[in-house]
Structures are given as C-alpha cells and as structure tokens.
C-alpha cells in the first residue's frame, strides 16, 4: 500500500497527527476470513480514496467552514481524517468485538470536532480531533460493555479502563495487585477499586430468571417497586402547584429591571444573556449580574418564609 509522503519540517514531535497510518494489519485479519471481502475491508479501501491535507489546506478549509458554514469544507475535513479514526479505534479493539462499531462512534466524535474546531488557535485539526474521537469511542465502550452500566461517572470510567492495565503492570514488576496497592498507584480510594472489581466480576442477570424450585417466582418478584404511591404523586403535584403560586406572588413585588431579569433570566427556558439585558437598559453585564444575584437572594428569603409558614400551619392543623 502506498503511503502519502510528508515534509518532515512541516510537523513537530508534539504536533504530528498526520503520521503514517498503516491499515494493512486491519486488512490482514479480514483477508484470513472464509470470505476475504467483507465490510471492514471495503471500508478501509474506501477511505484510502480521500487524500490527507497539508497544514495550509487544512487551515484554509477549516476557516471556510468556521466563517461561512461551508458544508463541503466540513465534508473535506471529515473524510481526510477517517484514517485517524480507524487508528484510534484499533487501540480499543481488544475490548470490543466489532471494530466497525468503534469506528462508527469515532466518526461521530470526528464530526463533533469539526463543529467545535477553532482554526485560529494555531493547532492542527487532527491534534484537536483526537480527543473528541477517543471520547466518543470510550463512551460507547462504557455504555455497551454490559446491559447494566458499570461506569457512570468520569472517575469510574477512568478506573474501568486503567484497572486491568495497572494490574498487569504490577504483576510484571513482581507485585501482588491488591486493592490497596492499586488504589495508591491509580490515586483513588481503596473502596472504589474493590467496588469496580466486584462490578467487573459480576454478571448480568435477567429479572425473569427463576428463583428456587418455584417456577412462578422470579427475581422481579423480590424487587422493590420504585413507582410513586398515589399519596406521593398527590403530594408532589400539590407541592409543585404551591411553588408555582408562590413564585407568581413573588414576581408581583418586583419592578423594572428586577422583574425583567427574573422572568427573562431565571424563569425563561431560553434565558437572555447578561449582555442582551445590559444592552436593553444601557448597563454593563456586571451590573446585570449584581441585580440577578439580588433577585435570587430575595427569592430564597421569600420562599424560606412562605414555606415555613405553610409548614407551621400544617403542623398546627
């Protein structure tokens, strides 16, 4: 397979996203199958048709999209970097069966990178896109590792991907990879390591799985019902109605700028910016922010008094 030749002076060690990407290894795995011509091989052959971009071409095209919304320019940025997505997806191929699924998610991340890229910051687009591509691939792996998610927070996702690597590293150094040592090496709490190991070791169970000898009894039969009771539903609806009434009463005591900021900043589903309100009244954004903080404090004090009185009244009754 021929490789595009680059000028070595055009790139720096820190910023070399257009390094040679060898797709031959990926094609070899397809060629050894019973049917050599498969979807992966066809995709790899397809993306080789799109040329890589020089630094100058890349900047010019990125500016066209940034300034004029040129969709053809965005298309060129995406297609020129499809090989970069394959390279990143292959890093995680051992953790997932389908490379094409990882590539598909990485391509979504690549398109997000195009939408958010600023060509005036002086960095190459692929250097920026790498982070978006990897983020989408990792999110896909976390969400599809099992039916039940085992990593929901950023810290848990980081631990999920680093735990096994650190275990292997410690074993290679001759240490027993216990929870305490792993926690020290990964800079997390020991309890978090234990919890993640338990999650990784456990398997998914169907709620329809039978329990004991009774064929009619399933796991679902022993699970608590999380639905609201009629009493809880009524109490919630009553609280929301009362809160809405109190907010409406509170707004009647506001005037001029305070009322506008309250309605347009705190209640509006698409709030106006500080700049927009400042321009309306000829005041600075900082002044608008100060008025907004004053309104928030008034609202907090008002609701505190009103709900305390409502609680006292209910208790007396």
C-alpha atoms as a PDB file:
ATOM      1  CA  UNK A   1       0.000   0.000   0.000  1.00  0.00           C
ATOM      2  CA  UNK A   2       1.442   3.362  -0.984  1.00  0.00           C
ATOM      3  CA  UNK A   3       1.800   5.952   1.739  1.00  0.00           C
ATOM      4  CA  UNK A   4       1.490   9.714   1.410  1.00  0.00           C
ATOM      5  CA  UNK A   5       4.890  11.383   1.865  1.00  0.00           C
ATOM      6  CA  UNK A   6       5.118  14.356   4.172  1.00  0.00           C
ATOM      7  CA  UNK A   7       7.695  17.083   4.574  1.00  0.00           C
ATOM      8  CA  UNK A   8       9.438  16.304   7.910  1.00  0.00           C
ATOM      9  CA  UNK A   9       9.925  20.007   8.581  1.00  0.00           C
ATOM     10  CA  UNK A  10       6.194  20.577   8.349  1.00  0.00           C
ATOM     11  CA  UNK A  11       5.473  18.843  11.657  1.00  0.00           C
ATOM     12  CA  UNK A  12       6.816  18.943  15.196  1.00  0.00           C
ATOM     13  CA  UNK A  13       7.191  15.979  17.585  1.00  0.00           C
ATOM     14  CA  UNK A  14       4.367  17.371  19.696  1.00  0.00           C
ATOM     15  CA  UNK A  15       2.010  18.011  16.798  1.00  0.00           C
ATOM     16  CA  UNK A  16       2.232  15.178  14.301  1.00  0.00           C
ATOM     17  CA  UNK A  17      -1.365  13.986  13.772  1.00  0.00           C
ATOM     18  CA  UNK A  18      -0.823  13.183  10.109  1.00  0.00           C
ATOM     19  CA  UNK A  19       1.708  10.457  10.872  1.00  0.00           C
ATOM     20  CA  UNK A  20       1.621   7.416   8.611  1.00  0.00           C
ATOM     21  CA  UNK A  21      -1.324   5.170   9.453  1.00  0.00           C
ATOM     22  CA  UNK A  22      -0.830   1.590   8.369  1.00  0.00           C
ATOM     23  CA  UNK A  23      -4.137  -0.137   7.711  1.00  0.00           C
ATOM     24  CA  UNK A  24      -2.553  -3.310   6.349  1.00  0.00           C
ATOM     25  CA  UNK A  25      -2.775  -5.081   9.707  1.00  0.00           C
ATOM     26  CA  UNK A  26      -6.511  -4.495   9.879  1.00  0.00           C
ATOM     27  CA  UNK A  27      -6.931  -5.771   6.322  1.00  0.00           C
ATOM     28  CA  UNK A  28      -4.920  -8.904   7.065  1.00  0.00           C
ATOM     29  CA  UNK A  29      -7.478 -10.039   9.654  1.00  0.00           C
ATOM     30  CA  UNK A  30     -10.222  -9.691   7.034  1.00  0.00           C
ATOM     31  CA  UNK A  31      -8.186 -11.468   4.341  1.00  0.00           C
ATOM     32  CA  UNK A  32      -7.783 -14.555   6.523  1.00  0.00           C
ATOM     33  CA  UNK A  33     -11.548 -14.990   6.906  1.00  0.00           C
ATOM     34  CA  UNK A  34     -13.541 -17.527   4.889  1.00  0.00           C
ATOM     35  CA  UNK A  35     -14.899 -14.658   2.817  1.00  0.00           C
ATOM     36  CA  UNK A  36     -11.945 -12.237   2.423  1.00  0.00           C
ATOM     37  CA  UNK A  37     -14.013  -9.381   1.020  1.00  0.00           C
ATOM     38  CA  UNK A  38     -16.037  -8.110   3.975  1.00  0.00           C
ATOM     39  CA  UNK A  39     -17.476  -4.809   5.181  1.00  0.00           C
ATOM     40  CA  UNK A  40     -14.350  -3.816   7.103  1.00  0.00           C
ATOM     41  CA  UNK A  41     -12.042  -4.425   4.153  1.00  0.00           C
ATOM     42  CA  UNK A  42     -14.325  -2.492   1.843  1.00  0.00           C
ATOM     43  CA  UNK A  43     -14.480   0.437   4.285  1.00  0.00           C
ATOM     44  CA  UNK A  44     -10.686   0.561   4.616  1.00  0.00           C
ATOM     45  CA  UNK A  45     -10.307   0.558   0.847  1.00  0.00           C
ATOM     46  CA  UNK A  46     -12.923   3.304   0.557  1.00  0.00           C
ATOM     47  CA  UNK A  47     -11.316   5.740   2.989  1.00  0.00           C
ATOM     48  CA  UNK A  48      -7.937   5.456   1.236  1.00  0.00           C
ATOM     49  CA  UNK A  49      -9.508   7.328  -1.671  1.00  0.00           C
ATOM     50  CA  UNK A  50      -9.589  10.526   0.354  1.00  0.00           C
ATOM     51  CA  UNK A  51      -6.266  12.401   0.378  1.00  0.00           C
ATOM     52  CA  UNK A  52      -4.667  13.780   3.528  1.00  0.00           C
ATOM     53  CA  UNK A  53      -4.495  17.555   3.845  1.00  0.00           C
ATOM     54  CA  UNK A  54      -1.428  19.711   4.183  1.00  0.00           C
ATOM     55  CA  UNK A  55      -1.249  22.219   7.016  1.00  0.00           C
ATOM     56  CA  UNK A  56      -2.158  25.078   4.655  1.00  0.00           C
ATOM     57  CA  UNK A  57      -5.055  23.203   3.016  1.00  0.00           C
ATOM     58  CA  UNK A  58      -6.394  22.160   6.374  1.00  0.00           C
ATOM     59  CA  UNK A  59      -6.320  25.734   7.754  1.00  0.00           C
ATOM     60  CA  UNK A  60      -7.965  27.197   4.640  1.00  0.00           C
ATOM     61  CA  UNK A  61     -10.760  24.608   4.656  1.00  0.00           C
ATOM     62  CA  UNK A  62     -11.341  24.973   8.405  1.00  0.00           C
ATOM     63  CA  UNK A  63     -11.662  28.748   8.021  1.00  0.00           C
ATOM     64  CA  UNK A  64     -14.199  28.283   5.207  1.00  0.00           C
ATOM     65  CA  UNK A  65     -16.385  26.207   7.495  1.00  0.00           C
ATOM     66  CA  UNK A  66     -15.860  28.400  10.568  1.00  0.00           C
ATOM     67  CA  UNK A  67     -16.576  31.695   8.821  1.00  0.00           C
ATOM     68  CA  UNK A  68     -19.084  30.743   6.124  1.00  0.00           C
ATOM     69  CA  UNK A  69     -20.598  27.427   7.276  1.00  0.00           C
ATOM     70  CA  UNK A  70     -19.414  25.745   4.079  1.00  0.00           C
ATOM     71  CA  UNK A  71     -20.649  22.151   4.396  1.00  0.00           C
ATOM     72  CA  UNK A  72     -18.396  20.981   1.585  1.00  0.00           C
ATOM     73  CA  UNK A  73     -15.414  22.212   3.598  1.00  0.00           C
ATOM     74  CA  UNK A  74     -16.663  20.286   6.647  1.00  0.00           C
ATOM     75  CA  UNK A  75     -17.010  17.182   4.465  1.00  0.00           C
ATOM     76  CA  UNK A  76     -13.386  17.504   3.328  1.00  0.00           C
ATOM     77  CA  UNK A  77     -12.160  17.823   6.915  1.00  0.00           C
ATOM     78  CA  UNK A  78     -14.079  14.722   7.949  1.00  0.00           C
ATOM     79  CA  UNK A  79     -13.084  12.491   5.024  1.00  0.00           C
ATOM     80  CA  UNK A  80      -9.427  13.490   5.239  1.00  0.00           C
ATOM     81  CA  UNK A  81      -9.304  12.254   8.836  1.00  0.00           C
ATOM     82  CA  UNK A  82     -11.240   8.980   8.592  1.00  0.00           C
ATOM     83  CA  UNK A  83      -7.965   7.041   8.788  1.00  0.00           C
ATOM     84  CA  UNK A  84      -7.223   8.767  12.084  1.00  0.00           C
ATOM     85  CA  UNK A  85     -10.482   7.361  13.479  1.00  0.00           C
ATOM     86  CA  UNK A  86      -9.505   3.824  12.440  1.00  0.00           C
ATOM     87  CA  UNK A  87      -6.125   4.211  14.122  1.00  0.00           C
ATOM     88  CA  UNK A  88      -7.737   5.274  17.424  1.00  0.00           C
ATOM     89  CA  UNK A  89     -10.498   2.637  17.236  1.00  0.00           C
ATOM     90  CA  UNK A  90      -7.868  -0.082  16.853  1.00  0.00           C
ATOM     91  CA  UNK A  91      -6.422   0.891  20.250  1.00  0.00           C
ATOM     92  CA  UNK A  92      -9.633  -0.415  21.847  1.00  0.00           C
ATOM     93  CA  UNK A  93     -10.348  -3.348  19.543  1.00  0.00           C
ATOM     94  CA  UNK A  94      -9.411  -5.902  22.211  1.00  0.00           C
ATOM     95  CA  UNK A  95     -12.142  -4.525  24.474  1.00  0.00           C
ATOM     96  CA  UNK A  96     -14.878  -4.844  21.845  1.00  0.00           C
ATOM     97  CA  UNK A  97     -15.709  -7.373  19.189  1.00  0.00           C
ATOM     98  CA  UNK A  98     -16.623  -5.109  16.270  1.00  0.00           C
ATOM     99  CA  UNK A  99     -14.021  -2.648  15.021  1.00  0.00           C
ATOM    100  CA  UNK A 100     -16.572  -1.090  12.660  1.00  0.00           C
ATOM    101  CA  UNK A 101     -18.853  -0.208  15.575  1.00  0.00           C
ATOM    102  CA  UNK A 102     -15.967   1.598  17.261  1.00  0.00           C
ATOM    103  CA  UNK A 103     -15.098   3.367  14.008  1.00  0.00           C
ATOM    104  CA  UNK A 104     -18.713   4.464  13.615  1.00  0.00           C
ATOM    105  CA  UNK A 105     -18.726   6.066  17.071  1.00  0.00           C
ATOM    106  CA  UNK A 106     -15.330   7.621  16.425  1.00  0.00           C
ATOM    107  CA  UNK A 107     -16.668   9.164  13.217  1.00  0.00           C
ATOM    108  CA  UNK A 108     -19.423  10.854  15.225  1.00  0.00           C
ATOM    109  CA  UNK A 109     -16.749  12.280  17.502  1.00  0.00           C
ATOM    110  CA  UNK A 110     -14.838  13.450  14.420  1.00  0.00           C
ATOM    111  CA  UNK A 111     -17.877  15.358  13.173  1.00  0.00           C
ATOM    112  CA  UNK A 112     -18.302  16.977  16.597  1.00  0.00           C
ATOM    113  CA  UNK A 113     -14.661  18.031  16.421  1.00  0.00           C
ATOM    114  CA  UNK A 114     -15.279  19.728  13.064  1.00  0.00           C
ATOM    115  CA  UNK A 115     -18.208  21.687  14.526  1.00  0.00           C
ATOM    116  CA  UNK A 116     -16.183  22.903  17.502  1.00  0.00           C
ATOM    117  CA  UNK A 117     -12.745  23.430  15.943  1.00  0.00           C
ATOM    118  CA  UNK A 118     -11.243  26.938  16.024  1.00  0.00           C
ATOM    119  CA  UNK A 119      -8.698  27.289  13.180  1.00  0.00           C
ATOM    120  CA  UNK A 120      -7.251  30.453  14.693  1.00  0.00           C
ATOM    121  CA  UNK A 121      -5.727  28.777  17.762  1.00  0.00           C
ATOM    122  CA  UNK A 122      -2.662  27.605  15.845  1.00  0.00           C
ATOM    123  CA  UNK A 123      -3.054  23.823  16.277  1.00  0.00           C
ATOM    124  CA  UNK A 124      -3.621  21.147  13.661  1.00  0.00           C
ATOM    125  CA  UNK A 125      -7.158  19.877  13.353  1.00  0.00           C
ATOM    126  CA  UNK A 126      -6.262  16.170  13.882  1.00  0.00           C
ATOM    127  CA  UNK A 127      -4.485  17.052  17.145  1.00  0.00           C
ATOM    128  CA  UNK A 128      -7.768  18.570  18.330  1.00  0.00           C
ATOM    129  CA  UNK A 129     -10.000  15.861  16.836  1.00  0.00           C
ATOM    130  CA  UNK A 130      -8.137  13.038  18.615  1.00  0.00           C
ATOM    131  CA  UNK A 131      -9.753  13.996  21.921  1.00  0.00           C
ATOM    132  CA  UNK A 132     -13.285  14.069  20.513  1.00  0.00           C
ATOM    133  CA  UNK A 133     -12.821  10.749  18.689  1.00  0.00           C
ATOM    134  CA  UNK A 134     -11.401   8.995  21.737  1.00  0.00           C
ATOM    135  CA  UNK A 135     -14.127  10.417  23.999  1.00  0.00           C
ATOM    136  CA  UNK A 136     -16.911   9.017  21.789  1.00  0.00           C
ATOM    137  CA  UNK A 137     -15.230   5.614  21.464  1.00  0.00           C
ATOM    138  CA  UNK A 138     -14.728   5.355  25.234  1.00  0.00           C
ATOM    139  CA  UNK A 139     -18.310   6.404  25.942  1.00  0.00           C
ATOM    140  CA  UNK A 140     -19.567   3.740  23.535  1.00  0.00           C
ATOM    141  CA  UNK A 141     -17.442   1.065  25.204  1.00  0.00           C
ATOM    142  CA  UNK A 142     -18.705   2.006  28.650  1.00  0.00           C
ATOM    143  CA  UNK A 143     -22.350   2.009  27.551  1.00  0.00           C
ATOM    144  CA  UNK A 144     -22.121  -1.310  25.715  1.00  0.00           C
ATOM    145  CA  UNK A 145     -19.759  -3.335  27.871  1.00  0.00           C
ATOM    146  CA  UNK A 146     -22.775  -4.837  29.563  1.00  0.00           C
ATOM    147  CA  UNK A 147     -26.529  -4.336  29.619  1.00  0.00           C
ATOM    148  CA  UNK A 148     -26.087  -2.679  33.018  1.00  0.00           C
ATOM    149  CA  UNK A 149     -23.647   0.232  33.025  1.00  0.00           C
ATOM    150  CA  UNK A 150     -20.631  -0.345  35.265  1.00  0.00           C
ATOM    151  CA  UNK A 151     -19.150   3.124  34.997  1.00  0.00           C
ATOM    152  CA  UNK A 152     -21.359   6.187  35.180  1.00  0.00           C
ATOM    153  CA  UNK A 153     -19.103   8.960  36.498  1.00  0.00           C
ATOM    154  CA  UNK A 154     -15.919  10.241  34.892  1.00  0.00           C
ATOM    155  CA  UNK A 155     -13.827   8.782  37.741  1.00  0.00           C
ATOM    156  CA  UNK A 156     -15.465   5.353  37.336  1.00  0.00           C
ATOM    157  CA  UNK A 157     -14.884   5.380  33.572  1.00  0.00           C
ATOM    158  CA  UNK A 158     -11.222   6.230  34.120  1.00  0.00           C
ATOM    159  CA  UNK A 159     -10.866   3.438  36.688  1.00  0.00           C
ATOM    160  CA  UNK A 160     -12.658   0.993  34.380  1.00  0.00           C
ATOM    161  CA  UNK A 161     -10.062   1.435  31.638  1.00  0.00           C
ATOM    162  CA  UNK A 162      -6.970   1.692  33.847  1.00  0.00           C
ATOM    163  CA  UNK A 163      -7.594  -1.025  36.435  1.00  0.00           C
ATOM    164  CA  UNK A 164      -6.647  -4.056  34.346  1.00  0.00           C
ATOM    165  CA  UNK A 165      -3.647  -2.279  32.802  1.00  0.00           C
ATOM    166  CA  UNK A 166      -2.321  -1.380  36.240  1.00  0.00           C
ATOM    167  CA  UNK A 167      -2.831  -4.968  37.466  1.00  0.00           C
ATOM    168  CA  UNK A 168      -0.777  -6.293  34.576  1.00  0.00           C
ATOM    169  CA  UNK A 169       1.909  -3.664  35.180  1.00  0.00           C
ATOM    170  CA  UNK A 170       2.210  -4.570  38.869  1.00  0.00           C
ATOM    171  CA  UNK A 171       2.376  -8.291  38.110  1.00  0.00           C
ATOM    172  CA  UNK A 172       5.135  -7.640  35.571  1.00  0.00           C
ATOM    173  CA  UNK A 173       7.068  -5.771  38.284  1.00  0.00           C
ATOM    174  CA  UNK A 174       6.643  -8.697  40.678  1.00  0.00           C
ATOM    175  CA  UNK A 175       3.982  -7.190  42.965  1.00  0.00           C
ATOM    176  CA  UNK A 176       0.664  -8.702  44.021  1.00  0.00           C
ATOM    177  CA  UNK A 177      -2.017  -6.346  42.633  1.00  0.00           C
ATOM    178  CA  UNK A 178      -4.100  -5.946  45.794  1.00  0.00           C
ATOM    179  CA  UNK A 179      -6.780  -3.233  46.174  1.00  0.00           C
ATOM    180  CA  UNK A 180      -4.605  -1.095  48.481  1.00  0.00           C
ATOM    181  CA  UNK A 181      -1.631  -1.005  46.114  1.00  0.00           C
ATOM    182  CA  UNK A 182      -3.863  -0.468  43.083  1.00  0.00           C
ATOM    183  CA  UNK A 183      -5.580   2.442  44.845  1.00  0.00           C
ATOM    184  CA  UNK A 184      -2.209   4.048  45.579  1.00  0.00           C
ATOM    185  CA  UNK A 185      -0.984   3.639  42.011  1.00  0.00           C
ATOM    186  CA  UNK A 186      -4.228   4.917  40.475  1.00  0.00           C
ATOM    187  CA  UNK A 187      -4.700   7.694  43.040  1.00  0.00           C
ATOM    188  CA  UNK A 188      -8.194   6.574  44.065  1.00  0.00           C
ATOM    189  CA  UNK A 189      -9.798   5.256  47.227  1.00  0.00           C
ATOM    190  CA  UNK A 190      -9.352   1.583  48.061  1.00  0.00           C
ATOM    191  CA  UNK A 191     -13.117   1.161  48.290  1.00  0.00           C
ATOM    192  CA  UNK A 192     -13.513   2.371  44.702  1.00  0.00           C
ATOM    193  CA  UNK A 193     -11.096  -0.288  43.471  1.00  0.00           C
ATOM    194  CA  UNK A 194     -12.953  -3.012  45.384  1.00  0.00           C
ATOM    195  CA  UNK A 195     -16.308  -1.813  44.042  1.00  0.00           C
ATOM    196  CA  UNK A 196     -15.076  -1.731  40.428  1.00  0.00           C
ATOM    197  CA  UNK A 197     -13.557  -5.215  40.740  1.00  0.00           C
ATOM    198  CA  UNK A 198     -16.888  -6.507  42.026  1.00  0.00           C
ATOM    199  CA  UNK A 199     -18.721  -4.894  39.126  1.00  0.00           C
ATOM    200  CA  UNK A 200     -16.322  -6.368  36.583  1.00  0.00           C
ATOM    201  CA  UNK A 201     -16.522  -9.825  38.172  1.00  0.00           C
ATOM    202  CA  UNK A 202     -20.315  -9.923  38.396  1.00  0.00           C
ATOM    203  CA  UNK A 203     -22.510 -10.984  35.512  1.00  0.00           C
ATOM    204  CA  UNK A 204     -25.794  -9.621  34.208  1.00  0.00           C
ATOM    205  CA  UNK A 205     -28.899 -11.423  35.428  1.00  0.00           C
ATOM    206  CA  UNK A 206     -32.342 -11.357  33.885  1.00  0.00           C
ATOM    207  CA  UNK A 207     -35.133 -10.191  36.178  1.00  0.00           C
ATOM    208  CA  UNK A 208     -37.167 -13.068  34.702  1.00  0.00           C
ATOM    209  CA  UNK A 209     -34.673 -15.662  35.978  1.00  0.00           C
ATOM    210  CA  UNK A 210     -36.468 -18.249  38.193  1.00  0.00           C
ATOM    211  CA  UNK A 211     -35.680 -18.336  41.903  1.00  0.00           C
ATOM    212  CA  UNK A 212     -35.640 -21.668  43.744  1.00  0.00           C
ATOM    213  CA  UNK A 213     -37.884 -24.556  42.809  1.00  0.00           C
ATOM    214  CA  UNK A 214     -40.974 -22.407  42.379  1.00  0.00           C
ATOM    215  CA  UNK A 215     -41.253 -21.817  38.625  1.00  0.00           C
ATOM    216  CA  UNK A 216     -43.583 -18.884  39.202  1.00  0.00           C
ATOM    217  CA  UNK A 217     -41.087 -16.961  41.362  1.00  0.00           C
ATOM    218  CA  UNK A 218     -38.568 -14.724  39.584  1.00  0.00           C
ATOM    219  CA  UNK A 219     -36.038 -12.093  40.668  1.00  0.00           C
ATOM    220  CA  UNK A 220     -38.567  -9.461  39.687  1.00  0.00           C
ATOM    221  CA  UNK A 221     -40.940 -10.783  42.350  1.00  0.00           C
ATOM    222  CA  UNK A 222     -38.456  -9.842  45.083  1.00  0.00           C
ATOM    223  CA  UNK A 223     -37.518  -6.390  43.801  1.00  0.00           C
ATOM    224  CA  UNK A 224     -38.954  -3.305  45.459  1.00  0.00           C
ATOM    225  CA  UNK A 225     -41.467  -1.299  43.439  1.00  0.00           C
ATOM    226  CA  UNK A 226     -39.927   2.121  42.742  1.00  0.00           C
ATOM    227  CA  UNK A 227     -43.117   3.708  41.394  1.00  0.00           C
ATOM    228  CA  UNK A 228     -44.731   6.562  43.265  1.00  0.00           C
ATOM    229  CA  UNK A 229     -47.616   5.728  45.534  1.00  0.00           C
ATOM    230  CA  UNK A 230     -50.847   7.681  44.959  1.00  0.00           C
ATOM    231  CA  UNK A 231     -50.082   9.652  48.127  1.00  0.00           C
ATOM    232  CA  UNK A 232     -46.576  10.573  46.908  1.00  0.00           C
ATOM    233  CA  UNK A 233     -47.914  11.554  43.496  1.00  0.00           C
ATOM    234  CA  UNK A 234     -50.571  13.794  45.021  1.00  0.00           C
ATOM    235  CA  UNK A 235     -48.077  15.371  47.446  1.00  0.00           C
ATOM    236  CA  UNK A 236     -45.658  16.100  44.607  1.00  0.00           C
ATOM    237  CA  UNK A 237     -48.339  17.681  42.441  1.00  0.00           C
ATOM    238  CA  UNK A 238     -49.560  19.780  45.369  1.00  0.00           C
ATOM    239  CA  UNK A 239     -46.020  20.956  46.138  1.00  0.00           C
ATOM    240  CA  UNK A 240     -45.414  21.986  42.509  1.00  0.00           C
ATOM    241  CA  UNK A 241     -48.719  23.895  42.442  1.00  0.00           C
ATOM    242  CA  UNK A 242     -47.891  25.681  45.690  1.00  0.00           C
ATOM    243  CA  UNK A 243     -44.384  26.544  44.457  1.00  0.00           C
ATOM    244  CA  UNK A 244     -45.768  27.944  41.199  1.00  0.00           C
ATOM    245  CA  UNK A 245     -48.260  30.115  43.124  1.00  0.00           C
ATOM    246  CA  UNK A 246     -45.553  31.441  45.453  1.00  0.00           C
ATOM    247  CA  UNK A 247     -43.247  32.317  42.553  1.00  0.00           C
ATOM    248  CA  UNK A 248     -46.060  34.195  40.842  1.00  0.00           C
ATOM    249  CA  UNK A 249     -46.789  36.112  44.059  1.00  0.00           C
ATOM    250  CA  UNK A 250     -43.089  36.904  44.444  1.00  0.00           C
ATOM    251  CA  UNK A 251     -42.861  38.340  40.915  1.00  0.00           C
ATOM    252  CA  UNK A 252     -45.623  40.856  41.716  1.00  0.00           C
ATOM    253  CA  UNK A 253     -43.275  42.540  44.187  1.00  0.00           C
ATOM    254  CA  UNK A 254     -40.583  43.134  41.528  1.00  0.00           C
ATOM    255  CA  UNK A 255     -40.352  46.129  39.225  1.00  0.00           C
ATOM    256  CA  UNK A 256     -38.427  47.306  36.181  1.00  0.00           C
ATOM    257  CA  UNK A 257     -35.021  45.625  35.762  1.00  0.00           C
ATOM    258  CA  UNK A 258     -35.554  43.125  38.576  1.00  0.00           C
ATOM    259  CA  UNK A 259     -38.789  41.840  37.039  1.00  0.00           C
ATOM    260  CA  UNK A 260     -37.267  41.548  33.554  1.00  0.00           C
ATOM    261  CA  UNK A 261     -34.191  39.733  34.857  1.00  0.00           C
ATOM    262  CA  UNK A 262     -36.372  37.425  36.953  1.00  0.00           C
ATOM    263  CA  UNK A 263     -38.585  36.466  34.016  1.00  0.00           C
ATOM    264  CA  UNK A 264     -36.002  36.516  31.217  1.00  0.00           C
ATOM    265  CA  UNK A 265     -33.047  35.020  33.127  1.00  0.00           C
ATOM    266  CA  UNK A 266     -34.429  32.811  35.898  1.00  0.00           C
ATOM    267  CA  UNK A 267     -37.761  31.554  34.513  1.00  0.00           C
ATOM    268  CA  UNK A 268     -37.215  31.527  30.763  1.00  0.00           C
ATOM    269  CA  UNK A 269     -36.356  28.142  29.211  1.00  0.00           C
ATOM    270  CA  UNK A 270     -34.045  30.024  26.824  1.00  0.00           C
ATOM    271  CA  UNK A 271     -32.715  32.813  29.076  1.00  0.00           C
ATOM    272  CA  UNK A 272     -31.333  36.033  27.674  1.00  0.00           C
ATOM    273  CA  UNK A 273     -27.623  36.649  28.174  1.00  0.00           C
ATOM    274  CA  UNK A 274     -26.259  39.262  30.547  1.00  0.00           C
ATOM    275  CA  UNK A 275     -25.080  41.206  27.505  1.00  0.00           C
ATOM    276  CA  UNK A 276     -28.543  41.242  25.909  1.00  0.00           C
ATOM    277  CA  UNK A 277     -30.244  42.536  29.048  1.00  0.00           C
ATOM    278  CA  UNK A 278     -27.456  45.040  29.623  1.00  0.00           C
ATOM    279  CA  UNK A 279     -27.876  46.381  26.080  1.00  0.00           C
ATOM    280  CA  UNK A 280     -31.622  46.787  26.649  1.00  0.00           C
ATOM    281  CA  UNK A 281     -31.086  49.052  29.659  1.00  0.00           C
ATOM    282  CA  UNK A 282     -27.709  50.541  28.749  1.00  0.00           C
ATOM    283  CA  UNK A 283     -25.880  48.967  31.704  1.00  0.00           C
ATOM    284  CA  UNK A 284     -22.894  46.647  31.986  1.00  0.00           C
ATOM    285  CA  UNK A 285     -23.046  42.871  32.214  1.00  0.00           C
ATOM    286  CA  UNK A 286     -21.583  43.065  35.706  1.00  0.00           C
ATOM    287  CA  UNK A 287     -24.410  45.343  36.807  1.00  0.00           C
ATOM    288  CA  UNK A 288     -26.970  42.879  35.393  1.00  0.00           C
ATOM    289  CA  UNK A 289     -25.256  40.061  37.262  1.00  0.00           C
ATOM    290  CA  UNK A 290     -25.414  42.040  40.523  1.00  0.00           C
ATOM    291  CA  UNK A 291     -29.142  42.665  40.093  1.00  0.00           C
ATOM    292  CA  UNK A 292     -29.676  38.984  39.293  1.00  0.00           C
ATOM    293  CA  UNK A 293     -27.879  37.933  42.490  1.00  0.00           C
ATOM    294  CA  UNK A 294     -30.040  40.360  44.457  1.00  0.00           C
ATOM    295  CA  UNK A 295     -33.213  38.873  42.959  1.00  0.00           C
ATOM    296  CA  UNK A 296     -32.028  35.342  43.766  1.00  0.00           C
ATOM    297  CA  UNK A 297     -31.430  36.297  47.388  1.00  0.00           C
ATOM    298  CA  UNK A 298     -34.855  37.895  47.631  1.00  0.00           C
ATOM    299  CA  UNK A 299     -36.465  34.797  46.159  1.00  0.00           C
ATOM    300  CA  UNK A 300     -34.616  32.484  48.544  1.00  0.00           C
ATOM    301  CA  UNK A 301     -35.627  34.552  51.582  1.00  0.00           C
ATOM    302  CA  UNK A 302     -39.228  34.823  50.363  1.00  0.00           C
ATOM    303  CA  UNK A 303     -39.669  31.089  49.735  1.00  0.00           C
ATOM    304  CA  UNK A 304     -37.995  30.294  53.047  1.00  0.00           C
ATOM    305  CA  UNK A 305     -40.539  32.430  54.918  1.00  0.00           C
ATOM    306  CA  UNK A 306     -43.548  31.272  52.941  1.00  0.00           C
ATOM    307  CA  UNK A 307     -42.850  27.563  53.175  1.00  0.00           C
ATOM    308  CA  UNK A 308     -42.006  27.837  56.861  1.00  0.00           C
ATOM    309  CA  UNK A 309     -45.402  29.441  57.454  1.00  0.00           C
ATOM    310  CA  UNK A 310     -47.099  26.748  55.359  1.00  0.00           C
ATOM    311  CA  UNK A 311     -45.323  24.029  57.334  1.00  0.00           C
ATOM    312  CA  UNK A 312     -46.254  25.628  60.662  1.00  0.00           C
ATOM    313  CA  UNK A 313     -49.871  25.947  59.549  1.00  0.00           C
ATOM    314  CA  UNK A 314     -49.993  22.281  58.520  1.00  0.00           C
ATOM    315  CA  UNK A 315     -48.453  21.245  61.833  1.00  0.00           C
ATOM    316  CA  UNK A 316     -51.000  23.318  63.792  1.00  0.00           C
ATOM    317  CA  UNK A 317     -53.861  21.796  61.891  1.00  0.00           C
END
